[in-house]
Amino acid sequence: MPSLKGVMTDSESTKLAEYMYSDYGKEPQKVEEKKAVLSEEDKKSAQLVKANEALFNKYCSSCHTTVIGVNESGGELTNVYEAPYAKDVIHKLKAETKTKEAFITFVKEYINEPNKRKSLYGKKAIKDFGLMPSLKGAMTDSEATGLAEYLYNKYDK
């Protein structure tokens, strides 16, 4: 951990330490756990979301990260992702397609046959990241639809 010397006054660091250790030695409070009862429909929906998330993790997340970060190497900051940030792609695609149906259709077509003309990003992004590899044959039509729906719902705003 980097030094925080000079960041806080002695009195501020004392107050912080007192706050952090104020519960030391006390019994933790017991919290009553309530178990949620899910309907069969809710269980199936949760399983479907999990399956679609697994598809995203398997086929998309290694390039389209869901967390923006940088990797410090040799004093230089470099991007740690290999394609545009997932949230940005989804928001841009939603703005372009306008409806959920058009979004799903675009995603299904693009993951099977990506090309520069259909790309939402300009020449710089394609130069920086390259064109997305085709996933044709990697998923069934139903899986591709599920993945597209998952992406549509992932970032609601």
C-alpha atoms as a PDB file:
ATOM      1  CA  MET A   1       0.000   0.000   0.000  1.00  0.00           C
ATOM      2  CA  PRO A   2       1.395   3.435  -0.834  1.00  0.00           C
ATOM      3  CA  SER A   3       2.287   5.807   1.981  1.00  0.00           C
ATOM      4  CA  LEU A   4      -0.373   8.269   3.082  1.00  0.00           C
ATOM      5  CA  LYS A   5       2.169  10.448   4.852  1.00  0.00           C
ATOM      6  CA  GLY A   6       1.220  14.104   4.555  1.00  0.00           C
ATOM      7  CA  VAL A   7      -2.280  13.359   3.239  1.00  0.00           C
ATOM      8  CA  MET A   8      -3.954  13.769   6.653  1.00  0.00           C
ATOM      9  CA  THR A   9      -3.128  15.697   9.764  1.00  0.00           C
ATOM     10  CA  ASP A  10      -2.275  13.773  12.943  1.00  0.00           C
ATOM     11  CA  SER A  11      -5.703  14.510  14.418  1.00  0.00           C
ATOM     12  CA  GLU A  12      -7.468  13.306  11.235  1.00  0.00           C
ATOM     13  CA  SER A  13      -5.481  10.072  11.161  1.00  0.00           C
ATOM     14  CA  THR A  14      -6.201   9.540  14.873  1.00  0.00           C
ATOM     15  CA  LYS A  15      -9.944  10.010  14.275  1.00  0.00           C
ATOM     16  CA  LEU A  16      -9.784   7.593  11.331  1.00  0.00           C
ATOM     17  CA  ALA A  17      -7.950   4.973  13.395  1.00  0.00           C
ATOM     18  CA  GLU A  18     -10.423   5.336  16.275  1.00  0.00           C
ATOM     19  CA  TYR A  19     -13.306   4.928  13.843  1.00  0.00           C
ATOM     20  CA  MET A  20     -11.783   1.878  12.156  1.00  0.00           C
ATOM     21  CA  TYR A  21     -11.064   0.100  15.432  1.00  0.00           C
ATOM     22  CA  SER A  22     -14.102   1.253  17.395  1.00  0.00           C
ATOM     23  CA  ASP A  23     -15.814  -2.162  17.143  1.00  0.00           C
ATOM     24  CA  TYR A  24     -12.685  -4.119  18.017  1.00  0.00           C
ATOM     25  CA  GLY A  25     -13.412  -6.779  20.640  1.00  0.00           C
ATOM     26  CA  LYS A  26     -17.195  -6.363  20.498  1.00  0.00           C
ATOM     27  CA  GLU A  27     -19.510  -9.194  19.611  1.00  0.00           C
ATOM     28  CA  PRO A  28     -20.786  -8.874  16.061  1.00  0.00           C
ATOM     29  CA  GLN A  29     -24.457  -8.065  15.824  1.00  0.00           C
ATOM     30  CA  LYS A  30     -26.629 -10.959  14.813  1.00  0.00           C
ATOM     31  CA  VAL A  31     -28.737 -10.308  11.774  1.00  0.00           C
ATOM     32  CA  GLU A  32     -31.837 -12.326  11.097  1.00  0.00           C
ATOM     33  CA  GLU A  33     -31.613 -13.982   7.724  1.00  0.00           C
ATOM     34  CA  LYS A  34     -34.706 -14.141   5.592  1.00  0.00           C
ATOM     35  CA  LYS A  35     -34.877 -16.653   2.798  1.00  0.00           C
ATOM     36  CA  ALA A  36     -36.518 -15.525  -0.381  1.00  0.00           C
ATOM     37  CA  VAL A  37     -39.029 -17.863  -1.922  1.00  0.00           C
ATOM     38  CA  LEU A  38     -38.852 -17.800  -5.682  1.00  0.00           C
ATOM     39  CA  SER A  39     -41.545 -18.972  -8.012  1.00  0.00           C
ATOM     40  CA  GLU A  40     -40.682 -21.575 -10.645  1.00  0.00           C
ATOM     41  CA  GLU A  41     -40.860 -18.829 -13.278  1.00  0.00           C
ATOM     42  CA  ASP A  42     -38.385 -16.676 -11.314  1.00  0.00           C
ATOM     43  CA  LYS A  43     -36.058 -19.665 -10.912  1.00  0.00           C
ATOM     44  CA  LYS A  44     -36.147 -20.367 -14.664  1.00  0.00           C
ATOM     45  CA  SER A  45     -35.556 -16.684 -15.414  1.00  0.00           C
ATOM     46  CA  ALA A  46     -32.559 -16.590 -13.042  1.00  0.00           C
ATOM     47  CA  GLN A  47     -31.133 -19.745 -14.646  1.00  0.00           C
ATOM     48  CA  LEU A  48     -31.551 -18.230 -18.105  1.00  0.00           C
ATOM     49  CA  VAL A  49     -29.772 -15.019 -17.065  1.00  0.00           C
ATOM     50  CA  LYS A  50     -26.961 -17.103 -15.588  1.00  0.00           C
ATOM     51  CA  ALA A  51     -26.659 -19.171 -18.783  1.00  0.00           C
ATOM     52  CA  ASN A  52     -26.589 -16.029 -20.952  1.00  0.00           C
ATOM     53  CA  GLU A  53     -24.018 -14.435 -18.647  1.00  0.00           C
ATOM     54  CA  ALA A  54     -21.909 -17.577 -19.078  1.00  0.00           C
ATOM     55  CA  LEU A  55     -22.111 -17.103 -22.868  1.00  0.00           C
ATOM     56  CA  PHE A  56     -20.942 -13.499 -22.470  1.00  0.00           C
ATOM     57  CA  ASN A  57     -18.070 -14.615 -20.239  1.00  0.00           C
ATOM     58  CA  LYS A  58     -17.089 -17.384 -22.651  1.00  0.00           C
ATOM     59  CA  TYR A  59     -17.281 -15.491 -25.935  1.00  0.00           C
ATOM     60  CA  CYS A  60     -17.155 -11.751 -25.223  1.00  0.00           C
ATOM     61  CA  SER A  61     -15.660 -10.677 -21.916  1.00  0.00           C
ATOM     62  CA  SER A  62     -12.058 -11.562 -22.683  1.00  0.00           C
ATOM     63  CA  CYS A  63     -12.048  -8.622 -25.115  1.00  0.00           C
ATOM     64  CA  HIS A  64     -15.099  -6.527 -24.169  1.00  0.00           C
ATOM     65  CA  THR A  65     -14.416  -6.042 -20.499  1.00  0.00           C
ATOM     66  CA  THR A  66     -17.110  -4.897 -18.105  1.00  0.00           C
ATOM     67  CA  VAL A  67     -14.613  -3.018 -15.927  1.00  0.00           C
ATOM     68  CA  ILE A  68     -12.433  -0.210 -17.220  1.00  0.00           C
ATOM     69  CA  GLY A  69      -8.920  -0.310 -15.899  1.00  0.00           C
ATOM     70  CA  VAL A  70      -5.331   0.340 -16.723  1.00  0.00           C
ATOM     71  CA  ASN A  71      -2.252  -1.764 -16.330  1.00  0.00           C
ATOM     72  CA  GLU A  72       0.810   0.006 -15.006  1.00  0.00           C
ATOM     73  CA  SER A  73       3.887  -1.287 -16.804  1.00  0.00           C
ATOM     74  CA  GLY A  74       7.238   0.415 -16.821  1.00  0.00           C
ATOM     75  CA  GLY A  75       5.766   3.702 -15.622  1.00  0.00           C
ATOM     76  CA  GLU A  76       3.355   3.875 -18.554  1.00  0.00           C
ATOM     77  CA  LEU A  77      -0.390   3.394 -18.290  1.00  0.00           C
ATOM     78  CA  THR A  78      -1.860   1.102 -20.920  1.00  0.00           C
ATOM     79  CA  ASN A  79      -5.386  -0.159 -21.548  1.00  0.00           C
ATOM     80  CA  VAL A  80      -6.119  -3.628 -20.206  1.00  0.00           C
ATOM     81  CA  TYR A  81      -8.955  -4.351 -22.599  1.00  0.00           C
ATOM     82  CA  GLU A  82      -8.702  -5.514 -26.198  1.00  0.00           C
ATOM     83  CA  ALA A  83     -11.957  -4.125 -27.598  1.00  0.00           C
ATOM     84  CA  PRO A  84     -14.322  -1.268 -26.810  1.00  0.00           C
ATOM     85  CA  TYR A  85     -15.739  -1.337 -23.266  1.00  0.00           C
ATOM     86  CA  ALA A  86     -18.907  -3.484 -23.162  1.00  0.00           C
ATOM     87  CA  LYS A  87     -21.109  -0.825 -21.560  1.00  0.00           C
ATOM     88  CA  ASP A  88     -20.135   1.745 -24.202  1.00  0.00           C
ATOM     89  CA  VAL A  89     -20.846  -0.692 -27.038  1.00  0.00           C
ATOM     90  CA  ILE A  90     -24.260  -1.539 -25.607  1.00  0.00           C
ATOM     91  CA  HIS A  91     -25.260   2.106 -25.055  1.00  0.00           C
ATOM     92  CA  LYS A  92     -24.079   3.086 -28.531  1.00  0.00           C
ATOM     93  CA  LEU A  93     -25.925   0.156 -30.096  1.00  0.00           C
ATOM     94  CA  LYS A  94     -29.131   0.963 -28.199  1.00  0.00           C
ATOM     95  CA  ALA A  95     -28.967   4.549 -29.466  1.00  0.00           C
ATOM     96  CA  GLU A  96     -28.475   3.333 -33.045  1.00  0.00           C
ATOM     97  CA  THR A  97     -31.057   0.542 -33.105  1.00  0.00           C
ATOM     98  CA  LYS A  98     -33.837   2.261 -31.098  1.00  0.00           C
ATOM     99  CA  THR A  99     -35.796  -0.947 -30.297  1.00  0.00           C
ATOM    100  CA  LYS A 100     -35.005  -4.150 -28.439  1.00  0.00           C
ATOM    101  CA  GLU A 101     -35.905  -6.230 -31.491  1.00  0.00           C
ATOM    102  CA  ALA A 102     -33.546  -4.247 -33.750  1.00  0.00           C
ATOM    103  CA  PHE A 103     -30.807  -4.491 -31.097  1.00  0.00           C
ATOM    104  CA  ILE A 104     -31.150  -8.280 -30.894  1.00  0.00           C
ATOM    105  CA  THR A 105     -31.202  -8.642 -34.683  1.00  0.00           C
ATOM    106  CA  PHE A 106     -28.081  -6.492 -35.054  1.00  0.00           C
ATOM    107  CA  VAL A 107     -26.146  -8.382 -32.369  1.00  0.00           C
ATOM    108  CA  LYS A 108     -27.047 -11.779 -33.822  1.00  0.00           C
ATOM    109  CA  GLU A 109     -26.039 -10.716 -37.338  1.00  0.00           C
ATOM    110  CA  TYR A 110     -22.859  -8.919 -36.262  1.00  0.00           C
ATOM    111  CA  ILE A 111     -21.455 -11.678 -34.057  1.00  0.00           C
ATOM    112  CA  ASN A 112     -21.853 -14.112 -36.958  1.00  0.00           C
ATOM    113  CA  GLU A 113     -20.577 -11.811 -39.704  1.00  0.00           C
ATOM    114  CA  PRO A 114     -18.733  -8.763 -38.358  1.00  0.00           C
ATOM    115  CA  ASN A 115     -17.577  -6.272 -40.980  1.00  0.00           C
ATOM    116  CA  LYS A 116     -16.276  -2.710 -41.141  1.00  0.00           C
ATOM    117  CA  ARG A 117     -19.435  -1.338 -42.768  1.00  0.00           C
ATOM    118  CA  LYS A 118     -21.650  -2.555 -39.897  1.00  0.00           C
ATOM    119  CA  SER A 119     -19.234  -1.479 -37.180  1.00  0.00           C
ATOM    120  CA  LEU A 120     -20.491   1.240 -34.852  1.00  0.00           C
ATOM    121  CA  TYR A 121     -16.936   2.440 -34.332  1.00  0.00           C
ATOM    122  CA  GLY A 122     -14.754   4.394 -36.714  1.00  0.00           C
ATOM    123  CA  LYS A 123     -11.488   3.558 -38.411  1.00  0.00           C
ATOM    124  CA  LYS A 124      -9.437   4.417 -35.307  1.00  0.00           C
ATOM    125  CA  ALA A 125     -11.179   1.792 -33.157  1.00  0.00           C
ATOM    126  CA  ILE A 126     -10.803  -0.841 -35.846  1.00  0.00           C
ATOM    127  CA  LYS A 127      -7.137   0.148 -36.237  1.00  0.00           C
ATOM    128  CA  ASP A 128      -6.597   0.045 -32.446  1.00  0.00           C
ATOM    129  CA  PHE A 129      -8.565  -3.132 -31.732  1.00  0.00           C
ATOM    130  CA  GLY A 130      -8.997  -4.862 -35.077  1.00  0.00           C
ATOM    131  CA  LEU A 131     -12.272  -6.246 -36.388  1.00  0.00           C
ATOM    132  CA  MET A 132     -14.101  -8.597 -34.074  1.00  0.00           C
ATOM    133  CA  PRO A 133     -13.641 -12.267 -34.989  1.00  0.00           C
ATOM    134  CA  SER A 134     -16.720 -14.104 -36.211  1.00  0.00           C
ATOM    135  CA  LEU A 135     -18.550 -16.348 -33.765  1.00  0.00           C
ATOM    136  CA  LYS A 136     -20.426 -18.105 -36.563  1.00  0.00           C
ATOM    137  CA  GLY A 137     -21.181 -21.673 -35.501  1.00  0.00           C
ATOM    138  CA  ALA A 138     -20.030 -21.092 -31.900  1.00  0.00           C
ATOM    139  CA  MET A 139     -23.611 -20.701 -30.618  1.00  0.00           C
ATOM    140  CA  THR A 140     -27.035 -21.911 -31.580  1.00  0.00           C
ATOM    141  CA  ASP A 141     -29.575 -19.349 -32.785  1.00  0.00           C
ATOM    142  CA  SER A 142     -31.352 -19.608 -29.454  1.00  0.00           C
ATOM    143  CA  GLU A 143     -28.088 -18.999 -27.537  1.00  0.00           C
ATOM    144  CA  ALA A 144     -27.282 -15.985 -29.729  1.00  0.00           C
ATOM    145  CA  THR A 145     -30.754 -14.586 -29.027  1.00  0.00           C
ATOM    146  CA  GLY A 146     -30.279 -15.166 -25.293  1.00  0.00           C
ATOM    147  CA  LEU A 147     -26.887 -13.463 -25.366  1.00  0.00           C
ATOM    148  CA  ALA A 148     -28.324 -10.466 -27.233  1.00  0.00           C
ATOM    149  CA  GLU A 149     -31.199 -10.179 -24.729  1.00  0.00           C
ATOM    150  CA  TYR A 150     -28.729 -10.439 -21.835  1.00  0.00           C
ATOM    151  CA  LEU A 151     -26.636  -7.625 -23.336  1.00  0.00           C
ATOM    152  CA  TYR A 152     -29.718  -5.478 -23.907  1.00  0.00           C
ATOM    153  CA  ASN A 153     -30.794  -5.856 -20.274  1.00  0.00           C
ATOM    154  CA  LYS A 154     -27.310  -5.697 -18.713  1.00  0.00           C
ATOM    155  CA  TYR A 155     -27.045  -1.910 -18.711  1.00  0.00           C
ATOM    156  CA  ASP A 156     -30.580  -0.609 -18.448  1.00  0.00           C
ATOM    157  CA  LYS A 157     -29.661   3.064 -18.410  1.00  0.00           C
END
